[in-house]
Amino acid sequence: MLTVKILGSGCANCRKLEAVAREAAAGAGLEAEFVKVTDMKAIMAYDLLATPGLVIDEKLVSSGRIPTQAEVRGWMGA
């Protein structure tokens, strides 16, 4: 099972990123655990320059933007 982390304060873009990631996983038939990370110290541990950030299995794959579902599926290995 994949671990998908959404890094950010819980802003509108963070929620949109989570929705895109959930839809991408569901569309690809992948099982994933979604974790929201709002603690700034925890977020900074990922060397993130801008939120929202997307981490898949502990690898930062996107920051500061909302990727497409196709991009997210690619990062998930689907």
PDB file of N, CA and C in Angstrom:
ATOM      1  N   MET A   1       0.840  -1.181   0.000  1.00  0.00           N
ATOM      2  CA  MET A   1       0.000   0.000   0.000  1.00  0.00           C
ATOM      3  C   MET A   1       0.885   1.245   0.000  1.00  0.00           C
ATOM      4  N   LEU A   2       0.502   2.227  -0.815  1.00  0.00           N
ATOM      5  CA  LEU A   2       1.235   3.485  -0.883  1.00  0.00           C
ATOM      6  C   LEU A   2       0.911   4.361   0.320  1.00  0.00           C
ATOM      7  N   THR A   3       1.870   5.171   0.722  1.00  0.00           N
ATOM      8  CA  THR A   3       1.618   6.206   1.717  1.00  0.00           C
ATOM      9  C   THR A   3       1.741   7.539   1.002  1.00  0.00           C
ATOM     10  N   VAL A   4       0.659   8.295   1.012  1.00  0.00           N
ATOM     11  CA  VAL A   4       0.611   9.582   0.335  1.00  0.00           C
ATOM     12  C   VAL A   4       0.439  10.668   1.391  1.00  0.00           C
ATOM     13  N   LYS A   5       1.361  11.630   1.402  1.00  0.00           N
ATOM     14  CA  LYS A   5       1.279  12.719   2.373  1.00  0.00           C
ATOM     15  C   LYS A   5       1.015  14.027   1.650  1.00  0.00           C
ATOM     16  N   ILE A   6       0.092  14.795   2.199  1.00  0.00           N
ATOM     17  CA  ILE A   6      -0.213  16.126   1.703  1.00  0.00           C
ATOM     18  C   ILE A   6       0.412  17.097   2.697  1.00  0.00           C
ATOM     19  N   LEU A   7       1.373  17.881   2.239  1.00  0.00           N
ATOM     20  CA  LEU A   7       2.067  18.818   3.111  1.00  0.00           C
ATOM     21  C   LEU A   7       1.505  20.217   2.921  1.00  0.00           C
ATOM     22  N   GLY A   8       1.046  20.812   4.019  1.00  0.00           N
ATOM     23  CA  GLY A   8       0.532  22.177   3.934  1.00  0.00           C
ATOM     24  C   GLY A   8      -0.326  22.521   5.129  1.00  0.00           C
ATOM     25  N   SER A   9      -0.775  23.764   5.153  1.00  0.00           N
ATOM     26  CA  SER A   9      -1.506  24.297   6.302  1.00  0.00           C
ATOM     27  C   SER A   9      -2.970  23.889   6.322  1.00  0.00           C
ATOM     28  N   GLY A  10      -3.450  23.253   5.261  1.00  0.00           N
ATOM     29  CA  GLY A  10      -4.867  22.915   5.177  1.00  0.00           C
ATOM     30  C   GLY A  10      -5.625  23.932   4.344  1.00  0.00           C
ATOM     31  N   CYS A  11      -4.895  24.700   3.539  1.00  0.00           N
ATOM     32  CA  CYS A  11      -5.499  25.733   2.682  1.00  0.00           C
ATOM     33  C   CYS A  11      -6.299  25.082   1.548  1.00  0.00           C
ATOM     34  N   ALA A  12      -6.956  25.926   0.767  1.00  0.00           N
ATOM     35  CA  ALA A  12      -7.770  25.434  -0.345  1.00  0.00           C
ATOM     36  C   ALA A  12      -6.948  24.606  -1.327  1.00  0.00           C
ATOM     37  N   ASN A  13      -5.719  25.045  -1.636  1.00  0.00           N
ATOM     38  CA  ASN A  13      -4.878  24.290  -2.567  1.00  0.00           C
ATOM     39  C   ASN A  13      -4.462  22.951  -1.975  1.00  0.00           C
ATOM     40  N   CYS A  14      -4.262  22.894  -0.658  1.00  0.00           N
ATOM     41  CA  CYS A  14      -3.915  21.628  -0.008  1.00  0.00           C
ATOM     42  C   CYS A  14      -5.076  20.637  -0.143  1.00  0.00           C
ATOM     43  N   ARG A  15      -6.285  21.135   0.057  1.00  0.00           N
ATOM     44  CA  ARG A  15      -7.468  20.270  -0.062  1.00  0.00           C
ATOM     45  C   ARG A  15      -7.653  19.811  -1.503  1.00  0.00           C
ATOM     46  N   LYS A  16      -7.384  20.715  -2.458  1.00  0.00           N
ATOM     47  CA  LYS A  16      -7.518  20.350  -3.877  1.00  0.00           C
ATOM     48  C   LYS A  16      -6.482  19.292  -4.246  1.00  0.00           C
ATOM     49  N   LEU A  17      -5.257  19.458  -3.754  1.00  0.00           N
ATOM     50  CA  LEU A  17      -4.208  18.477  -4.022  1.00  0.00           C
ATOM     51  C   LEU A  17      -4.599  17.113  -3.466  1.00  0.00           C
ATOM     52  N   GLU A  18      -5.154  17.094  -2.265  1.00  0.00           N
ATOM     53  CA  GLU A  18      -5.577  15.816  -1.680  1.00  0.00           C
ATOM     54  C   GLU A  18      -6.665  15.171  -2.531  1.00  0.00           C
ATOM     55  N   ALA A  19      -7.617  15.966  -3.005  1.00  0.00           N
ATOM     56  CA  ALA A  19      -8.691  15.431  -3.844  1.00  0.00           C
ATOM     57  C   ALA A  19      -8.131  14.843  -5.138  1.00  0.00           C
ATOM     58  N   VAL A  20      -7.194  15.540  -5.781  1.00  0.00           N
ATOM     59  CA  VAL A  20      -6.579  15.053  -7.027  1.00  0.00           C
ATOM     60  C   VAL A  20      -5.838  13.743  -6.758  1.00  0.00           C
ATOM     61  N   ALA A  21      -5.082  13.682  -5.655  1.00  0.00           N
ATOM     62  CA  ALA A  21      -4.315  12.474  -5.328  1.00  0.00           C
ATOM     63  C   ALA A  21      -5.244  11.297  -5.034  1.00  0.00           C
ATOM     64  N   ARG A  22      -6.325  11.553  -4.287  1.00  0.00           N
ATOM     65  CA  ARG A  22      -7.283  10.474  -3.987  1.00  0.00           C
ATOM     66  C   ARG A  22      -7.943   9.959  -5.264  1.00  0.00           C
ATOM     67  N   GLU A  23      -8.339  10.877  -6.143  1.00  0.00           N
ATOM     68  CA  GLU A  23      -8.973  10.474  -7.405  1.00  0.00           C
ATOM     69  C   GLU A  23      -7.999   9.698  -8.282  1.00  0.00           C
ATOM     70  N   ALA A  24      -6.736  10.116  -8.302  1.00  0.00           N
ATOM     71  CA  ALA A  24      -5.723   9.426  -9.102  1.00  0.00           C
ATOM     72  C   ALA A  24      -5.536   7.996  -8.598  1.00  0.00           C
ATOM     73  N   ALA A  25      -5.444   7.831  -7.278  1.00  0.00           N
ATOM     74  CA  ALA A  25      -5.262   6.488  -6.702  1.00  0.00           C
ATOM     75  C   ALA A  25      -6.481   5.616  -6.987  1.00  0.00           C
ATOM     76  N   ALA A  26      -7.663   6.175  -6.787  1.00  0.00           N
ATOM     77  CA  ALA A  26      -8.894   5.411  -7.025  1.00  0.00           C
ATOM     78  C   ALA A  26      -9.024   5.036  -8.496  1.00  0.00           C
ATOM     79  N   GLY A  27      -8.710   5.983  -9.377  1.00  0.00           N
ATOM     80  CA  GLY A  27      -8.807   5.736 -10.815  1.00  0.00           C
ATOM     81  C   GLY A  27      -7.844   4.667 -11.289  1.00  0.00           C
ATOM     82  N   ALA A  28      -6.713   4.541 -10.588  1.00  0.00           N
ATOM     83  CA  ALA A  28      -5.709   3.541 -10.960  1.00  0.00           C
ATOM     84  C   ALA A  28      -5.915   2.237 -10.206  1.00  0.00           C
ATOM     85  N   GLY A  29      -6.912   2.200  -9.315  1.00  0.00           N
ATOM     86  CA  GLY A  29      -7.176   0.993  -8.538  1.00  0.00           C
ATOM     87  C   GLY A  29      -6.096   0.710  -7.504  1.00  0.00           C
ATOM     88  N   LEU A  30      -5.425   1.770  -7.039  1.00  0.00           N
ATOM     89  CA  LEU A  30      -4.352   1.601  -6.062  1.00  0.00           C
ATOM     90  C   LEU A  30      -4.867   1.834  -4.648  1.00  0.00           C
ATOM     91  N   GLU A  31      -4.344   1.061  -3.722  1.00  0.00           N
ATOM     92  CA  GLU A  31      -4.681   1.243  -2.320  1.00  0.00           C
ATOM     93  C   GLU A  31      -3.654   2.188  -1.719  1.00  0.00           C
ATOM     94  N   ALA A  32      -4.123   3.246  -1.097  1.00  0.00           N
ATOM     95  CA  ALA A  32      -3.197   4.232  -0.542  1.00  0.00           C
ATOM     96  C   ALA A  32      -3.722   4.764   0.781  1.00  0.00           C
ATOM     97  N   GLU A  33      -2.785   5.053   1.664  1.00  0.00           N
ATOM     98  CA  GLU A  33      -3.113   5.696   2.933  1.00  0.00           C
ATOM     99  C   GLU A  33      -2.775   7.169   2.766  1.00  0.00           C
ATOM    100  N   PHE A  34      -3.732   8.042   3.105  1.00  0.00           N
ATOM    101  CA  PHE A  34      -3.523   9.482   2.956  1.00  0.00           C
ATOM    102  C   PHE A  34      -3.301  10.110   4.322  1.00  0.00           C
ATOM    103  N   VAL A  35      -2.244  10.908   4.411  1.00  0.00           N
ATOM    104  CA  VAL A  35      -1.870  11.558   5.666  1.00  0.00           C
ATOM    105  C   VAL A  35      -1.721  13.049   5.404  1.00  0.00           C
ATOM    106  N   LYS A  36      -2.377  13.858   6.237  1.00  0.00           N
ATOM    107  CA  LYS A  36      -2.213  15.312   6.130  1.00  0.00           C
ATOM    108  C   LYS A  36      -1.131  15.729   7.115  1.00  0.00           C
ATOM    109  N   VAL A  37      -0.146  16.457   6.627  1.00  0.00           N
ATOM    110  CA  VAL A  37       0.945  16.950   7.478  1.00  0.00           C
ATOM    111  C   VAL A  37       0.820  18.477   7.532  1.00  0.00           C
ATOM    112  N   THR A  38       0.467  19.000   8.718  1.00  0.00           N
ATOM    113  CA  THR A  38       0.272  20.441   8.854  1.00  0.00           C
ATOM    114  C   THR A  38       1.325  21.079   9.757  1.00  0.00           C
ATOM    115  N   ASP A  39       2.098  20.275  10.465  1.00  0.00           N
ATOM    116  CA  ASP A  39       3.132  20.801  11.354  1.00  0.00           C
ATOM    117  C   ASP A  39       4.297  21.337  10.525  1.00  0.00           C
ATOM    118  N   MET A  40       4.623  22.623  10.712  1.00  0.00           N
ATOM    119  CA  MET A  40       5.659  23.245   9.876  1.00  0.00           C
ATOM    120  C   MET A  40       7.023  22.573  10.005  1.00  0.00           C
ATOM    121  N   LYS A  41       7.375  22.127  11.199  1.00  0.00           N
ATOM    122  CA  LYS A  41       8.675  21.447  11.359  1.00  0.00           C
ATOM    123  C   LYS A  41       8.699  20.159  10.546  1.00  0.00           C
ATOM    124  N   ALA A  42       7.607  19.415  10.578  1.00  0.00           N
ATOM    125  CA  ALA A  42       7.523  18.168   9.810  1.00  0.00           C
ATOM    126  C   ALA A  42       7.559  18.459   8.314  1.00  0.00           C
ATOM    127  N   ILE A  43       6.887  19.526   7.903  1.00  0.00           N
ATOM    128  CA  ILE A  43       6.878  19.898   6.490  1.00  0.00           C
ATOM    129  C   ILE A  43       8.284  20.293   6.028  1.00  0.00           C
ATOM    130  N   MET A  44       8.977  21.087   6.832  1.00  0.00           N
ATOM    131  CA  MET A  44      10.316  21.547   6.455  1.00  0.00           C
ATOM    132  C   MET A  44      11.320  20.394   6.376  1.00  0.00           C
ATOM    133  N   ALA A  45      11.048  19.298   7.039  1.00  0.00           N
ATOM    134  CA  ALA A  45      11.939  18.135   6.981  1.00  0.00           C
ATOM    135  C   ALA A  45      12.021  17.576   5.557  1.00  0.00           C
ATOM    136  N   TYR A  46      11.028  17.889   4.720  1.00  0.00           N
ATOM    137  CA  TYR A  46      11.023  17.404   3.342  1.00  0.00           C
ATOM    138  C   TYR A  46      11.694  18.376   2.379  1.00  0.00           C
ATOM    139  N   ASP A  47      12.329  19.439   2.899  1.00  0.00           N
ATOM    140  CA  ASP A  47      13.027  20.399   2.045  1.00  0.00           C
ATOM    141  C   ASP A  47      12.062  21.014   1.029  1.00  0.00           C
ATOM    142  N   LEU A  48      10.888  21.340   1.506  1.00  0.00           N
ATOM    143  CA  LEU A  48       9.820  21.876   0.670  1.00  0.00           C
ATOM    144  C   LEU A  48       9.991  23.381   0.515  1.00  0.00           C
ATOM    145  N   LEU A  49       9.936  23.881  -0.716  1.00  0.00           N
ATOM    146  CA  LEU A  49      10.084  25.310  -0.963  1.00  0.00           C
ATOM    147  C   LEU A  49       8.747  26.035  -0.917  1.00  0.00           C
ATOM    148  N   ALA A  50       7.682  25.381  -1.341  1.00  0.00           N
ATOM    149  CA  ALA A  50       6.360  26.005  -1.344  1.00  0.00           C
ATOM    150  C   ALA A  50       5.296  24.934  -1.140  1.00  0.00           C
ATOM    151  N   THR A  51       4.217  25.299  -0.450  1.00  0.00           N
ATOM    152  CA  THR A  51       3.109  24.365  -0.269  1.00  0.00           C
ATOM    153  C   THR A  51       2.074  24.638  -1.354  1.00  0.00           C
ATOM    154  N   PRO A  52       1.227  23.701  -1.690  1.00  0.00           N
ATOM    155  CA  PRO A  52       1.153  22.377  -1.077  1.00  0.00           C
ATOM    156  C   PRO A  52       2.233  21.434  -1.616  1.00  0.00           C
ATOM    157  N   GLY A  53       2.573  20.455  -0.822  1.00  0.00           N
ATOM    158  CA  GLY A  53       3.549  19.459  -1.234  1.00  0.00           C
ATOM    159  C   GLY A  53       2.912  18.080  -1.269  1.00  0.00           C
ATOM    160  N   LEU A  54       3.422  17.241  -2.152  1.00  0.00           N
ATOM    161  CA  LEU A  54       2.926  15.870  -2.268  1.00  0.00           C
ATOM    162  C   LEU A  54       4.101  14.916  -2.081  1.00  0.00           C
ATOM    163  N   VAL A  55       3.953  14.016  -1.129  1.00  0.00           N
ATOM    164  CA  VAL A  55       4.991  13.026  -0.833  1.00  0.00           C
ATOM    165  C   VAL A  55       4.377  11.648  -1.043  1.00  0.00           C
ATOM    166  N   ILE A  56       5.026  10.834  -1.858  1.00  0.00           N
ATOM    167  CA  ILE A  56       4.564   9.465  -2.090  1.00  0.00           C
ATOM    168  C   ILE A  56       5.662   8.530  -1.626  1.00  0.00           C
ATOM    169  N   ASP A  57       5.334   7.678  -0.659  1.00  0.00           N
ATOM    170  CA  ASP A  57       6.311   6.757  -0.063  1.00  0.00           C
ATOM    171  C   ASP A  57       7.608   7.474   0.319  1.00  0.00           C
ATOM    172  N   GLU A  58       7.451   8.562   1.048  1.00  0.00           N
ATOM    173  CA  GLU A  58       8.560   9.359   1.611  1.00  0.00           C
ATOM    174  C   GLU A  58       9.391  10.096   0.566  1.00  0.00           C
ATOM    175  N   LYS A  59       8.927  10.186  -0.678  1.00  0.00           N
ATOM    176  CA  LYS A  59       9.651  10.937  -1.711  1.00  0.00           C
ATOM    177  C   LYS A  59       8.820  12.150  -2.108  1.00  0.00           C
ATOM    178  N   LEU A  60       9.411  13.350  -1.971  1.00  0.00           N
ATOM    179  CA  LEU A  60       8.727  14.579  -2.376  1.00  0.00           C
ATOM    180  C   LEU A  60       8.669  14.608  -3.902  1.00  0.00           C
ATOM    181  N   VAL A  61       7.457  14.600  -4.450  1.00  0.00           N
ATOM    182  CA  VAL A  61       7.307  14.559  -5.908  1.00  0.00           C
ATOM    183  C   VAL A  61       6.764  15.859  -6.485  1.00  0.00           C
ATOM    184  N   SER A  62       6.154  16.692  -5.645  1.00  0.00           N
ATOM    185  CA  SER A  62       5.581  17.935  -6.151  1.00  0.00           C
ATOM    186  C   SER A  62       5.524  18.964  -5.035  1.00  0.00           C
ATOM    187  N   SER A  63       5.776  20.236  -5.389  1.00  0.00           N
ATOM    188  CA  SER A  63       5.608  21.300  -4.396  1.00  0.00           C
ATOM    189  C   SER A  63       5.179  22.587  -5.076  1.00  0.00           C
ATOM    190  N   GLY A  64       4.341  23.338  -4.380  1.00  0.00           N
ATOM    191  CA  GLY A  64       3.933  24.642  -4.858  1.00  0.00           C
ATOM    192  C   GLY A  64       2.956  24.668  -6.009  1.00  0.00           C
ATOM    193  N   ARG A  65       2.350  23.529  -6.330  1.00  0.00           N
ATOM    194  CA  ARG A  65       1.381  23.505  -7.435  1.00  0.00           C
ATOM    195  C   ARG A  65       0.445  22.308  -7.273  1.00  0.00           C
ATOM    196  N   ILE A  66      -0.587  22.288  -8.102  1.00  0.00           N
ATOM    197  CA  ILE A  66      -1.526  21.166  -8.129  1.00  0.00           C
ATOM    198  C   ILE A  66      -1.219  20.361  -9.392  1.00  0.00           C
ATOM    199  N   PRO A  67      -0.621  19.176  -9.247  1.00  0.00           N
ATOM    200  CA  PRO A  67      -0.330  18.362 -10.447  1.00  0.00           C
ATOM    201  C   PRO A  67      -1.616  17.751 -11.014  1.00  0.00           C
ATOM    202  N   THR A  68      -1.542  17.262 -12.231  1.00  0.00           N
ATOM    203  CA  THR A  68      -2.696  16.594 -12.835  1.00  0.00           C
ATOM    204  C   THR A  68      -2.814  15.175 -12.268  1.00  0.00           C
ATOM    205  N   GLN A  69      -3.997  14.589 -12.430  1.00  0.00           N
ATOM    206  CA  GLN A  69      -4.186  13.200 -11.997  1.00  0.00           C
ATOM    207  C   GLN A  69      -3.214  12.280 -12.729  1.00  0.00           C
ATOM    208  N   ALA A  70      -2.975  12.553 -14.010  1.00  0.00           N
ATOM    209  CA  ALA A  70      -2.061  11.711 -14.792  1.00  0.00           C
ATOM    210  C   ALA A  70      -0.658  11.757 -14.199  1.00  0.00           C
ATOM    211  N   GLU A  71      -0.193  12.948 -13.797  1.00  0.00           N
ATOM    212  CA  GLU A  71       1.133  13.062 -13.179  1.00  0.00           C
ATOM    213  C   GLU A  71       1.186  12.263 -11.885  1.00  0.00           C
ATOM    214  N   VAL A  72       0.146  12.406 -11.081  1.00  0.00           N
ATOM    215  CA  VAL A  72       0.120  11.719  -9.783  1.00  0.00           C
ATOM    216  C   VAL A  72       0.107  10.207  -9.994  1.00  0.00           C
ATOM    217  N   ARG A  73      -0.699   9.724 -10.949  1.00  0.00           N
ATOM    218  CA  ARG A  73      -0.716   8.284 -11.236  1.00  0.00           C
ATOM    219  C   ARG A  73       0.658   7.796 -11.643  1.00  0.00           C
ATOM    220  N   GLY A  74       1.378   8.593 -12.443  1.00  0.00           N
ATOM    221  CA  GLY A  74       2.730   8.225 -12.856  1.00  0.00           C
ATOM    222  C   GLY A  74       3.659   8.099 -11.661  1.00  0.00           C
ATOM    223  N   TRP A  75       3.571   9.061 -10.742  1.00  0.00           N
ATOM    224  CA  TRP A  75       4.413   9.007  -9.546  1.00  0.00           C
ATOM    225  C   TRP A  75       4.051   7.832  -8.646  1.00  0.00           C
ATOM    226  N   MET A  76       2.779   7.414  -8.718  1.00  0.00           N
ATOM    227  CA  MET A  76       2.325   6.275  -7.905  1.00  0.00           C
ATOM    228  C   MET A  76       2.721   4.944  -8.549  1.00  0.00           C
ATOM    229  N   GLY A  77       3.253   5.019  -9.748  1.00  0.00           N
ATOM    230  CA  GLY A  77       3.654   3.798 -10.443  1.00  0.00           C
ATOM    231  C   GLY A  77       2.516   3.092 -11.134  1.00  0.00           C
ATOM    232  N   ALA A  78       1.439   3.824 -11.398  1.00  0.00           N
ATOM    233  CA  ALA A  78       0.270   3.202 -12.046  1.00  0.00           C
ATOM    234  C   ALA A  78       0.376   3.301 -13.561  1.00  0.00           C
TER     235      ALA A  78
END
